[in-house]
Amino acid sequence: MRASFAVMRRGLLFGLRAGAIPAGICAVLWAAIALSGLSGQPLESTFEKPAAGLVAVLGSLAVGAAVGLVTGAVLAVAPPRMLGSALARGLSCFVVGTTLSAGEVVVMDVSSEGGYGPVVLAVLAMPVVGAVTAARSRSIAAARLGGGAVAGYGDADTDGGTGSGSGPGSGSRSASGSGR
């Protein structure tokens, strides 16, 4: 049970970092438009409104947190065989990340009041979010995987730190296909 909470916490931290990227971009745009609006020339941008900028920033953080939390929850309840398979774990995290990043499309649609640019960028970012989530799935699930051991391969530092890889759990893989 403790490992499940650690996985969910790792997922949430990943999601907050991932959500901070679009939130930071929106905050910088919002601040730049607000500062250039002080010159008196109207920019005709929806980010001129403080509510739209706040929705963009907080909504992006919320979507990122949701992606990370749900990814952590999926990895926390996944069967150990799925966690051991990089393909199955990555594919499930890709689907979760891509599906939940649709929330960013909604956030951009609401904050830009139907502007095409932010919505198209959010749609194009959906598979990227899925790929990044899949790539980070091993580090999110590390608490359940046993700190680094994946599917029968032992930790690389079980030989006493000599780096020879000849320890009882070194689990070296050979490229020739012999062995496992």
N, C-alpha and C. Protein backbone atom coordinates (compact mmCIF):
# COMPACT_ATOMS: atom_id res chain seq x y z
N MET A 1 0.82 -1.18 0.00
CA MET A 1 0.00 0.00 0.00
C MET A 1 0.87 1.26 0.00
N ARG A 2 1.98 1.17 0.71
CA ARG A 2 2.88 2.30 0.78
C ARG A 2 3.51 2.61 -0.58
N ALA A 3 3.80 1.54 -1.33
CA ALA A 3 4.37 1.71 -2.67
C ALA A 3 3.35 2.37 -3.60
N SER A 4 2.07 2.05 -3.43
CA SER A 4 1.03 2.65 -4.28
C SER A 4 0.96 4.16 -4.07
N PHE A 5 1.05 4.58 -2.81
CA PHE A 5 1.04 6.02 -2.54
C PHE A 5 2.28 6.70 -3.09
N ALA A 6 3.41 6.01 -3.02
CA ALA A 6 4.65 6.57 -3.57
C ALA A 6 4.55 6.70 -5.09
N VAL A 7 3.92 5.73 -5.75
CA VAL A 7 3.75 5.80 -7.20
C VAL A 7 2.83 6.96 -7.55
N MET A 8 1.74 7.11 -6.80
CA MET A 8 0.81 8.20 -7.08
C MET A 8 1.46 9.55 -6.81
N ARG A 9 2.28 9.64 -5.78
CA ARG A 9 2.98 10.89 -5.48
C ARG A 9 3.97 11.22 -6.60
N ARG A 10 4.70 10.21 -7.08
CA ARG A 10 5.62 10.44 -8.19
C ARG A 10 4.88 10.87 -9.44
N GLY A 11 3.72 10.26 -9.68
CA GLY A 11 2.91 10.64 -10.82
C GLY A 11 2.41 12.07 -10.71
N LEU A 12 1.98 12.46 -9.52
CA LEU A 12 1.51 13.82 -9.31
C LEU A 12 2.63 14.83 -9.51
N LEU A 13 3.81 14.54 -8.99
CA LEU A 13 4.94 15.44 -9.18
C LEU A 13 5.31 15.56 -10.65
N PHE A 14 5.29 14.43 -11.37
CA PHE A 14 5.54 14.48 -12.81
C PHE A 14 4.50 15.34 -13.51
N GLY A 15 3.23 15.15 -13.15
CA GLY A 15 2.15 15.91 -13.77
C GLY A 15 2.25 17.40 -13.51
N LEU A 16 2.62 17.76 -12.30
CA LEU A 16 2.77 19.19 -11.98
C LEU A 16 3.91 19.81 -12.77
N ARG A 17 5.00 19.06 -12.92
CA ARG A 17 6.11 19.58 -13.75
C ARG A 17 5.70 19.67 -15.21
N ALA A 18 4.97 18.65 -15.68
CA ALA A 18 4.53 18.67 -17.08
C ALA A 18 3.50 19.78 -17.31
N GLY A 19 2.62 20.01 -16.36
CA GLY A 19 1.62 21.06 -16.50
C GLY A 19 2.19 22.45 -16.34
N ALA A 20 3.34 22.53 -15.69
CA ALA A 20 3.98 23.85 -15.50
C ALA A 20 4.51 24.41 -16.82
N ILE A 21 4.78 23.55 -17.78
CA ILE A 21 5.31 24.04 -19.06
C ILE A 21 4.27 24.87 -19.80
N PRO A 22 3.07 24.34 -20.10
CA PRO A 22 2.09 25.21 -20.77
C PRO A 22 1.60 26.33 -19.87
N ALA A 23 1.54 26.08 -18.58
CA ALA A 23 1.11 27.15 -17.66
C ALA A 23 2.12 28.29 -17.66
N GLY A 24 3.41 27.97 -17.70
CA GLY A 24 4.44 29.00 -17.76
C GLY A 24 4.40 29.78 -19.06
N ILE A 25 4.18 29.07 -20.16
CA ILE A 25 4.07 29.75 -21.45
C ILE A 25 2.88 30.69 -21.45
N CYS A 26 1.74 30.23 -20.94
CA CYS A 26 0.55 31.08 -20.88
C CYS A 26 0.78 32.28 -19.96
N ALA A 27 1.47 32.06 -18.85
CA ALA A 27 1.73 33.16 -17.92
C ALA A 27 2.63 34.21 -18.56
N VAL A 28 3.65 33.77 -19.29
CA VAL A 28 4.55 34.72 -19.95
C VAL A 28 3.79 35.50 -21.03
N LEU A 29 2.98 34.81 -21.81
CA LEU A 29 2.18 35.50 -22.83
C LEU A 29 1.21 36.50 -22.20
N TRP A 30 0.57 36.06 -21.13
CA TRP A 30 -0.39 36.91 -20.43
C TRP A 30 0.32 38.16 -19.90
N ALA A 31 1.49 37.99 -19.30
CA ALA A 31 2.23 39.13 -18.75
C ALA A 31 2.72 40.05 -19.88
N ALA A 32 3.20 39.47 -20.98
CA ALA A 32 3.68 40.30 -22.09
C ALA A 32 2.54 41.11 -22.70
N ILE A 33 1.40 40.50 -22.86
CA ILE A 33 0.25 41.21 -23.42
C ILE A 33 -0.25 42.27 -22.45
N ALA A 34 -0.23 41.95 -21.15
CA ALA A 34 -0.66 42.93 -20.16
C ALA A 34 0.30 44.13 -20.13
N LEU A 35 1.60 43.87 -20.23
CA LEU A 35 2.57 44.96 -20.21
C LEU A 35 2.51 45.79 -21.49
N SER A 36 2.31 45.12 -22.62
CA SER A 36 2.22 45.89 -23.87
C SER A 36 0.90 46.65 -23.95
N GLY A 37 -0.10 46.20 -23.22
CA GLY A 37 -1.37 46.93 -23.17
C GLY A 37 -1.25 48.24 -22.41
N LEU A 38 -0.19 48.37 -21.62
CA LEU A 38 0.02 49.63 -20.89
C LEU A 38 0.42 50.76 -21.82
N SER A 39 0.89 50.40 -23.01
CA SER A 39 1.29 51.43 -23.96
C SER A 39 0.08 52.13 -24.58
N GLY A 40 -1.09 51.57 -24.38
CA GLY A 40 -2.31 52.21 -24.86
C GLY A 40 -2.81 51.70 -26.18
N GLN A 41 -2.04 50.86 -26.85
CA GLN A 41 -2.48 50.32 -28.13
C GLN A 41 -3.19 48.99 -27.90
N PRO A 42 -4.42 48.86 -28.38
CA PRO A 42 -5.13 47.59 -28.18
C PRO A 42 -4.54 46.49 -29.06
N LEU A 43 -4.38 45.33 -28.48
CA LEU A 43 -3.79 44.19 -29.20
C LEU A 43 -4.86 43.24 -29.73
N GLU A 44 -6.07 43.43 -29.30
CA GLU A 44 -7.18 42.55 -29.66
C GLU A 44 -6.85 41.09 -29.38
N SER A 45 -6.36 40.81 -28.21
CA SER A 45 -6.04 39.46 -27.78
C SER A 45 -6.95 39.08 -26.62
N THR A 46 -7.34 37.83 -26.58
CA THR A 46 -8.19 37.38 -25.48
C THR A 46 -7.40 37.29 -24.17
N PHE A 47 -6.08 37.24 -24.27
CA PHE A 47 -5.27 37.18 -23.06
C PHE A 47 -5.19 38.54 -22.36
N GLU A 48 -5.79 39.57 -22.95
CA GLU A 48 -5.81 40.87 -22.28
C GLU A 48 -6.68 40.83 -21.03
N LYS A 49 -7.64 39.93 -21.01
CA LYS A 49 -8.54 39.81 -19.88
C LYS A 49 -7.87 38.98 -18.79
N PRO A 50 -7.85 39.47 -17.56
CA PRO A 50 -7.20 38.71 -16.49
C PRO A 50 -7.84 37.35 -16.25
N ALA A 51 -9.15 37.25 -16.41
CA ALA A 51 -9.81 35.96 -16.17
C ALA A 51 -9.36 34.91 -17.17
N ALA A 52 -9.18 35.30 -18.43
CA ALA A 52 -8.73 34.35 -19.45
C ALA A 52 -7.32 33.86 -19.16
N GLY A 53 -6.45 34.75 -18.75
CA GLY A 53 -5.08 34.35 -18.40
C GLY A 53 -5.05 33.44 -17.19
N LEU A 54 -5.88 33.75 -16.21
CA LEU A 54 -5.95 32.92 -15.00
C LEU A 54 -6.47 31.52 -15.32
N VAL A 55 -7.49 31.45 -16.19
CA VAL A 55 -8.01 30.14 -16.62
C VAL A 55 -6.92 29.36 -17.34
N ALA A 56 -6.16 30.01 -18.20
CA ALA A 56 -5.11 29.33 -18.95
C ALA A 56 -4.03 28.79 -18.03
N VAL A 57 -3.58 29.60 -17.08
CA VAL A 57 -2.49 29.19 -16.20
C VAL A 57 -2.95 28.10 -15.22
N LEU A 58 -4.02 28.36 -14.50
CA LEU A 58 -4.48 27.38 -13.51
C LEU A 58 -5.06 26.13 -14.17
N GLY A 59 -5.72 26.32 -15.31
CA GLY A 59 -6.25 25.15 -16.02
C GLY A 59 -5.15 24.25 -16.53
N SER A 60 -4.06 24.81 -17.03
CA SER A 60 -2.94 24.01 -17.51
C SER A 60 -2.29 23.24 -16.36
N LEU A 61 -2.16 23.88 -15.22
CA LEU A 61 -1.63 23.18 -14.04
C LEU A 61 -2.55 22.05 -13.60
N ALA A 62 -3.85 22.31 -13.63
CA ALA A 62 -4.82 21.29 -13.22
C ALA A 62 -4.82 20.10 -14.18
N VAL A 63 -4.72 20.37 -15.47
CA VAL A 63 -4.68 19.27 -16.44
C VAL A 63 -3.40 18.46 -16.25
N GLY A 64 -2.27 19.12 -16.05
CA GLY A 64 -1.02 18.40 -15.81
C GLY A 64 -1.09 17.55 -14.55
N ALA A 65 -1.66 18.11 -13.49
CA ALA A 65 -1.81 17.34 -12.25
C ALA A 65 -2.72 16.14 -12.45
N ALA A 66 -3.79 16.32 -13.22
CA ALA A 66 -4.70 15.20 -13.49
C ALA A 66 -4.01 14.11 -14.30
N VAL A 67 -3.23 14.50 -15.31
CA VAL A 67 -2.49 13.51 -16.11
C VAL A 67 -1.55 12.72 -15.21
N GLY A 68 -0.80 13.40 -14.38
CA GLY A 68 0.15 12.72 -13.50
C GLY A 68 -0.52 11.86 -12.45
N LEU A 69 -1.58 12.36 -11.85
CA LEU A 69 -2.27 11.62 -10.79
C LEU A 69 -2.94 10.37 -11.35
N VAL A 70 -3.58 10.49 -12.49
CA VAL A 70 -4.23 9.31 -13.08
C VAL A 70 -3.19 8.31 -13.58
N THR A 71 -2.09 8.80 -14.14
CA THR A 71 -1.01 7.90 -14.55
C THR A 71 -0.46 7.15 -13.34
N GLY A 72 -0.24 7.87 -12.25
CA GLY A 72 0.23 7.22 -11.02
C GLY A 72 -0.77 6.21 -10.49
N ALA A 73 -2.06 6.54 -10.56
CA ALA A 73 -3.09 5.62 -10.08
C ALA A 73 -3.15 4.36 -10.94
N VAL A 74 -3.02 4.53 -12.26
CA VAL A 74 -3.02 3.36 -13.15
C VAL A 74 -1.83 2.47 -12.85
N LEU A 75 -0.67 3.09 -12.67
CA LEU A 75 0.53 2.29 -12.38
C LEU A 75 0.49 1.69 -10.97
N ALA A 76 -0.23 2.32 -10.07
CA ALA A 76 -0.33 1.79 -8.71
C ALA A 76 -1.21 0.55 -8.63
N VAL A 77 -2.20 0.45 -9.50
CA VAL A 77 -3.10 -0.70 -9.45
C VAL A 77 -2.83 -1.72 -10.55
N ALA A 78 -1.87 -1.44 -11.41
CA ALA A 78 -1.56 -2.34 -12.51
C ALA A 78 -0.97 -3.64 -11.99
N PRO A 79 -1.25 -4.73 -12.68
CA PRO A 79 -0.64 -6.01 -12.28
C PRO A 79 0.87 -5.97 -12.46
N PRO A 80 1.59 -6.69 -11.64
CA PRO A 80 3.06 -6.68 -11.73
C PRO A 80 3.61 -7.10 -13.10
N ARG A 81 2.92 -8.01 -13.79
CA ARG A 81 3.39 -8.41 -15.12
C ARG A 81 3.36 -7.25 -16.10
N MET A 82 2.34 -6.38 -15.98
CA MET A 82 2.26 -5.23 -16.86
C MET A 82 3.37 -4.23 -16.54
N LEU A 83 3.64 -4.06 -15.25
CA LEU A 83 4.72 -3.14 -14.87
C LEU A 83 6.06 -3.63 -15.35
N GLY A 84 6.25 -4.93 -15.40
CA GLY A 84 7.52 -5.49 -15.84
C GLY A 84 7.75 -5.39 -17.33
N SER A 85 6.68 -5.26 -18.08
CA SER A 85 6.79 -5.15 -19.54
C SER A 85 6.82 -3.67 -19.93
N ALA A 86 7.93 -3.24 -20.48
CA ALA A 86 8.07 -1.84 -20.87
C ALA A 86 7.06 -1.45 -21.93
N LEU A 87 6.76 -2.35 -22.85
CA LEU A 87 5.81 -2.06 -23.91
C LEU A 87 4.40 -1.87 -23.36
N ALA A 88 3.95 -2.78 -22.50
CA ALA A 88 2.60 -2.67 -21.94
C ALA A 88 2.48 -1.44 -21.03
N ARG A 89 3.49 -1.22 -20.21
CA ARG A 89 3.47 -0.07 -19.30
C ARG A 89 3.50 1.23 -20.09
N GLY A 90 4.36 1.31 -21.10
CA GLY A 90 4.46 2.52 -21.91
C GLY A 90 3.20 2.78 -22.72
N LEU A 91 2.63 1.72 -23.28
CA LEU A 91 1.42 1.89 -24.08
C LEU A 91 0.25 2.36 -23.24
N SER A 92 0.10 1.79 -22.05
CA SER A 92 -1.01 2.23 -21.18
C SER A 92 -0.81 3.67 -20.73
N CYS A 93 0.42 4.05 -20.43
CA CYS A 93 0.69 5.44 -20.03
C CYS A 93 0.53 6.40 -21.20
N PHE A 94 0.87 5.95 -22.42
CA PHE A 94 0.66 6.77 -23.60
C PHE A 94 -0.82 7.06 -23.80
N VAL A 95 -1.65 6.04 -23.65
CA VAL A 95 -3.09 6.22 -23.81
C VAL A 95 -3.65 7.16 -22.74
N VAL A 96 -3.22 6.98 -21.50
CA VAL A 96 -3.69 7.85 -20.41
C VAL A 96 -3.25 9.29 -20.65
N GLY A 97 -1.98 9.49 -20.99
CA GLY A 97 -1.47 10.85 -21.20
C GLY A 97 -2.12 11.55 -22.37
N THR A 98 -2.31 10.83 -23.47
CA THR A 98 -2.92 11.43 -24.65
C THR A 98 -4.39 11.76 -24.40
N THR A 99 -5.10 10.85 -23.77
CA THR A 99 -6.52 11.06 -23.51
C THR A 99 -6.75 12.22 -22.56
N LEU A 100 -6.01 12.25 -21.48
CA LEU A 100 -6.24 13.31 -20.49
C LEU A 100 -5.70 14.67 -20.93
N SER A 101 -4.78 14.68 -21.89
CA SER A 101 -4.30 15.98 -22.36
C SER A 101 -5.34 16.68 -23.22
N ALA A 102 -6.44 16.00 -23.53
CA ALA A 102 -7.56 16.65 -24.21
C ALA A 102 -8.13 17.76 -23.32
N GLY A 103 -7.91 17.66 -22.04
CA GLY A 103 -8.32 18.73 -21.12
C GLY A 103 -7.62 20.04 -21.44
N GLU A 104 -6.40 19.96 -21.92
CA GLU A 104 -5.66 21.17 -22.29
C GLU A 104 -6.31 21.84 -23.50
N VAL A 105 -6.88 21.05 -24.39
CA VAL A 105 -7.60 21.60 -25.54
C VAL A 105 -8.80 22.41 -25.03
N VAL A 106 -9.50 21.87 -24.05
CA VAL A 106 -10.65 22.57 -23.48
C VAL A 106 -10.19 23.85 -22.78
N VAL A 107 -9.11 23.77 -22.03
CA VAL A 107 -8.60 24.96 -21.33
C VAL A 107 -8.22 26.05 -22.33
N MET A 108 -7.54 25.67 -23.40
CA MET A 108 -7.13 26.67 -24.40
C MET A 108 -8.34 27.22 -25.14
N ASP A 109 -9.37 26.40 -25.38
CA ASP A 109 -10.57 26.87 -26.05
C ASP A 109 -11.30 27.89 -25.17
N VAL A 110 -11.40 27.60 -23.89
CA VAL A 110 -12.09 28.51 -22.98
C VAL A 110 -11.29 29.79 -22.78
N SER A 111 -9.99 29.67 -22.57
CA SER A 111 -9.19 30.86 -22.28
C SER A 111 -8.97 31.74 -23.50
N SER A 112 -8.94 31.14 -24.70
CA SER A 112 -8.74 31.96 -25.90
C SER A 112 -10.06 32.32 -26.56
N GLU A 113 -11.15 31.93 -25.96
CA GLU A 113 -12.50 32.22 -26.45
C GLU A 113 -12.66 31.79 -27.90
N GLY A 114 -12.24 30.58 -28.20
CA GLY A 114 -12.42 30.02 -29.53
C GLY A 114 -11.32 30.32 -30.51
N GLY A 115 -10.21 30.85 -30.05
CA GLY A 115 -9.08 31.13 -30.96
C GLY A 115 -8.50 29.84 -31.51
N TYR A 116 -8.18 29.84 -32.79
CA TYR A 116 -7.70 28.62 -33.43
C TYR A 116 -6.26 28.26 -33.06
N GLY A 117 -5.40 29.23 -32.94
CA GLY A 117 -3.99 28.97 -32.68
C GLY A 117 -3.73 28.15 -31.42
N PRO A 118 -4.19 28.61 -30.26
CA PRO A 118 -3.93 27.84 -29.04
C PRO A 118 -4.58 26.47 -29.04
N VAL A 119 -5.76 26.36 -29.66
CA VAL A 119 -6.45 25.07 -29.69
C VAL A 119 -5.71 24.09 -30.59
N VAL A 120 -5.24 24.55 -31.74
CA VAL A 120 -4.50 23.68 -32.65
C VAL A 120 -3.18 23.24 -32.00
N LEU A 121 -2.51 24.15 -31.32
CA LEU A 121 -1.27 23.76 -30.63
C LEU A 121 -1.54 22.73 -29.54
N ALA A 122 -2.64 22.89 -28.81
CA ALA A 122 -2.99 21.92 -27.76
C ALA A 122 -3.31 20.55 -28.37
N VAL A 123 -3.99 20.53 -29.52
CA VAL A 123 -4.30 19.26 -30.18
C VAL A 123 -3.01 18.61 -30.67
N LEU A 124 -2.11 19.38 -31.25
CA LEU A 124 -0.84 18.83 -31.73
C LEU A 124 0.04 18.34 -30.58
N ALA A 125 -0.14 18.90 -29.40
CA ALA A 125 0.66 18.49 -28.25
C ALA A 125 0.15 17.21 -27.59
N MET A 126 -1.04 16.77 -27.93
CA MET A 126 -1.61 15.57 -27.29
C MET A 126 -0.73 14.33 -27.44
N PRO A 127 -0.27 13.97 -28.64
CA PRO A 127 0.60 12.79 -28.72
C PRO A 127 1.96 13.01 -28.06
N VAL A 128 2.41 14.24 -28.01
CA VAL A 128 3.68 14.53 -27.33
C VAL A 128 3.54 14.29 -25.83
N VAL A 129 2.44 14.73 -25.26
CA VAL A 129 2.19 14.49 -23.84
C VAL A 129 2.11 12.99 -23.57
N GLY A 130 1.45 12.26 -24.45
CA GLY A 130 1.38 10.81 -24.30
C GLY A 130 2.74 10.15 -24.37
N ALA A 131 3.57 10.61 -25.30
CA ALA A 131 4.92 10.03 -25.44
C ALA A 131 5.79 10.33 -24.23
N VAL A 132 5.71 11.54 -23.72
CA VAL A 132 6.50 11.90 -22.54
C VAL A 132 6.01 11.11 -21.33
N THR A 133 4.72 10.94 -21.20
CA THR A 133 4.17 10.16 -20.09
C THR A 133 4.63 8.71 -20.20
N ALA A 134 4.63 8.16 -21.40
CA ALA A 134 5.10 6.79 -21.59
C ALA A 134 6.59 6.67 -21.27
N ALA A 135 7.36 7.66 -21.68
CA ALA A 135 8.80 7.63 -21.42
C ALA A 135 9.11 7.72 -19.94
N ARG A 136 8.30 8.44 -19.19
CA ARG A 136 8.54 8.60 -17.76
C ARG A 136 7.85 7.53 -16.92
N SER A 137 7.16 6.59 -17.56
CA SER A 137 6.39 5.60 -16.81
C SER A 137 7.26 4.73 -15.90
N ARG A 138 8.47 4.42 -16.32
CA ARG A 138 9.34 3.59 -15.48
C ARG A 138 9.75 4.32 -14.22
N SER A 139 10.07 5.60 -14.33
CA SER A 139 10.48 6.33 -13.14
C SER A 139 9.29 6.58 -12.22
N ILE A 140 8.09 6.71 -12.77
CA ILE A 140 6.90 6.88 -11.93
C ILE A 140 6.61 5.59 -11.18
N ALA A 141 6.74 4.46 -11.86
CA ALA A 141 6.43 3.16 -11.26
C ALA A 141 7.59 2.57 -10.48
N ALA A 142 8.68 3.27 -10.33
CA ALA A 142 9.89 2.72 -9.70
C ALA A 142 9.65 2.23 -8.28
N ALA A 143 8.75 2.86 -7.55
CA ALA A 143 8.49 2.42 -6.17
C ALA A 143 7.87 1.02 -6.14
N ARG A 144 7.06 0.70 -7.12
CA ARG A 144 6.46 -0.63 -7.18
C ARG A 144 7.38 -1.64 -7.85
N LEU A 145 8.29 -1.16 -8.67
CA LEU A 145 9.19 -2.07 -9.37
C LEU A 145 10.33 -2.54 -8.49
N GLY A 146 10.46 -2.00 -7.32
CA GLY A 146 11.52 -2.43 -6.42
C GLY A 146 12.76 -1.58 -6.52
N GLY A 147 12.60 -0.30 -6.84
CA GLY A 147 13.71 0.63 -6.84
C GLY A 147 14.62 0.52 -8.05
N GLY A 148 14.31 -0.27 -9.03
CA GLY A 148 15.16 -0.32 -10.21
C GLY A 148 15.14 -1.67 -10.89
N ALA A 149 14.69 -2.70 -10.19
CA ALA A 149 14.64 -4.01 -10.81
C ALA A 149 13.39 -4.09 -11.68
N VAL A 150 13.57 -4.49 -12.92
CA VAL A 150 12.45 -4.60 -13.84
C VAL A 150 12.42 -6.01 -14.42
N ALA A 151 11.34 -6.71 -14.24
CA ALA A 151 11.07 -8.00 -14.88
C ALA A 151 12.23 -8.98 -14.79
N GLY A 152 12.73 -9.23 -13.60
CA GLY A 152 13.76 -10.23 -13.43
C GLY A 152 15.17 -9.73 -13.58
N TYR A 153 15.35 -8.51 -14.02
CA TYR A 153 16.69 -7.96 -14.13
C TYR A 153 17.02 -7.27 -12.81
N GLY A 154 18.11 -7.65 -12.21
CA GLY A 154 18.47 -7.11 -10.91
C GLY A 154 19.05 -5.72 -11.00
N ASP A 155 19.29 -5.17 -9.86
CA ASP A 155 19.89 -3.85 -9.78
C ASP A 155 21.34 -3.95 -10.25
N ALA A 156 21.80 -2.95 -10.96
CA ALA A 156 23.13 -2.99 -11.55
C ALA A 156 24.24 -2.89 -10.52
N ASP A 157 23.94 -2.49 -9.30
CA ASP A 157 24.98 -2.29 -8.30
C ASP A 157 24.93 -3.37 -7.22
N THR A 158 24.67 -4.61 -7.58
CA THR A 158 24.64 -5.67 -6.58
C THR A 158 25.98 -6.37 -6.42
N ASP A 159 26.96 -5.96 -7.18
CA ASP A 159 28.27 -6.62 -7.10
C ASP A 159 29.21 -5.88 -6.16
N GLY A 160 28.66 -5.09 -5.27
CA GLY A 160 29.49 -4.40 -4.31
C GLY A 160 30.06 -3.11 -4.83
N GLY A 161 29.55 -2.62 -5.94
CA GLY A 161 30.01 -1.34 -6.46
C GLY A 161 31.23 -1.43 -7.35
N THR A 162 31.64 -2.64 -7.72
CA THR A 162 32.83 -2.74 -8.55
C THR A 162 32.54 -2.42 -10.01
N GLY A 163 31.28 -2.51 -10.39
CA GLY A 163 30.92 -2.16 -11.76
C GLY A 163 31.20 -3.27 -12.76
N SER A 164 31.61 -4.45 -12.27
CA SER A 164 31.93 -5.53 -13.20
C SER A 164 30.68 -6.22 -13.73
N GLY A 165 29.58 -6.08 -13.02
CA GLY A 165 28.35 -6.70 -13.47
C GLY A 165 28.32 -8.21 -13.30
N SER A 166 29.18 -8.75 -12.45
CA SER A 166 29.23 -10.20 -12.29
C SER A 166 28.57 -10.66 -11.00
N GLY A 167 27.84 -9.78 -10.35
CA GLY A 167 27.17 -10.14 -9.11
C GLY A 167 26.00 -11.07 -9.36
N PRO A 168 25.42 -11.62 -8.29
CA PRO A 168 24.36 -12.60 -8.45
C PRO A 168 23.10 -12.02 -9.10
N GLY A 169 22.85 -10.74 -8.97
CA GLY A 169 21.65 -10.15 -9.57
C GLY A 169 21.97 -9.12 -10.63
N SER A 170 23.12 -9.27 -11.27
CA SER A 170 23.51 -8.22 -12.22
C SER A 170 22.61 -8.19 -13.42
N GLY A 171 22.09 -9.31 -13.86
CA GLY A 171 21.09 -9.35 -14.91
C GLY A 171 21.55 -8.72 -16.22
N SER A 172 22.75 -9.01 -16.62
CA SER A 172 23.22 -8.40 -17.87
C SER A 172 22.51 -9.06 -19.04
N ARG A 173 22.23 -8.24 -20.05
CA ARG A 173 21.58 -8.73 -21.25
C ARG A 173 22.63 -8.84 -22.35
N SER A 174 22.58 -9.91 -23.10
CA SER A 174 23.53 -10.04 -24.20
C SER A 174 22.82 -9.74 -25.50
N ALA A 175 23.54 -9.13 -26.41
CA ALA A 175 22.97 -8.77 -27.69
C ALA A 175 22.86 -9.97 -28.63
N SER A 176 23.55 -11.05 -28.33
CA SER A 176 23.54 -12.20 -29.24
C SER A 176 22.27 -13.04 -29.12
N GLY A 177 21.48 -12.79 -28.11
CA GLY A 177 20.24 -13.53 -27.95
C GLY A 177 20.41 -14.77 -27.10
N SER A 178 21.62 -15.13 -26.73
CA SER A 178 21.81 -16.29 -25.86
C SER A 178 21.48 -15.90 -24.44
N GLY A 179 21.16 -16.81 -23.67
CA GLY A 179 20.80 -16.51 -22.27
C GLY A 179 19.31 -16.61 -22.10
N ARG A 180 18.65 -15.51 -21.96
CA ARG A 180 17.22 -15.51 -21.68
C ARG A 180 16.42 -15.62 -22.94
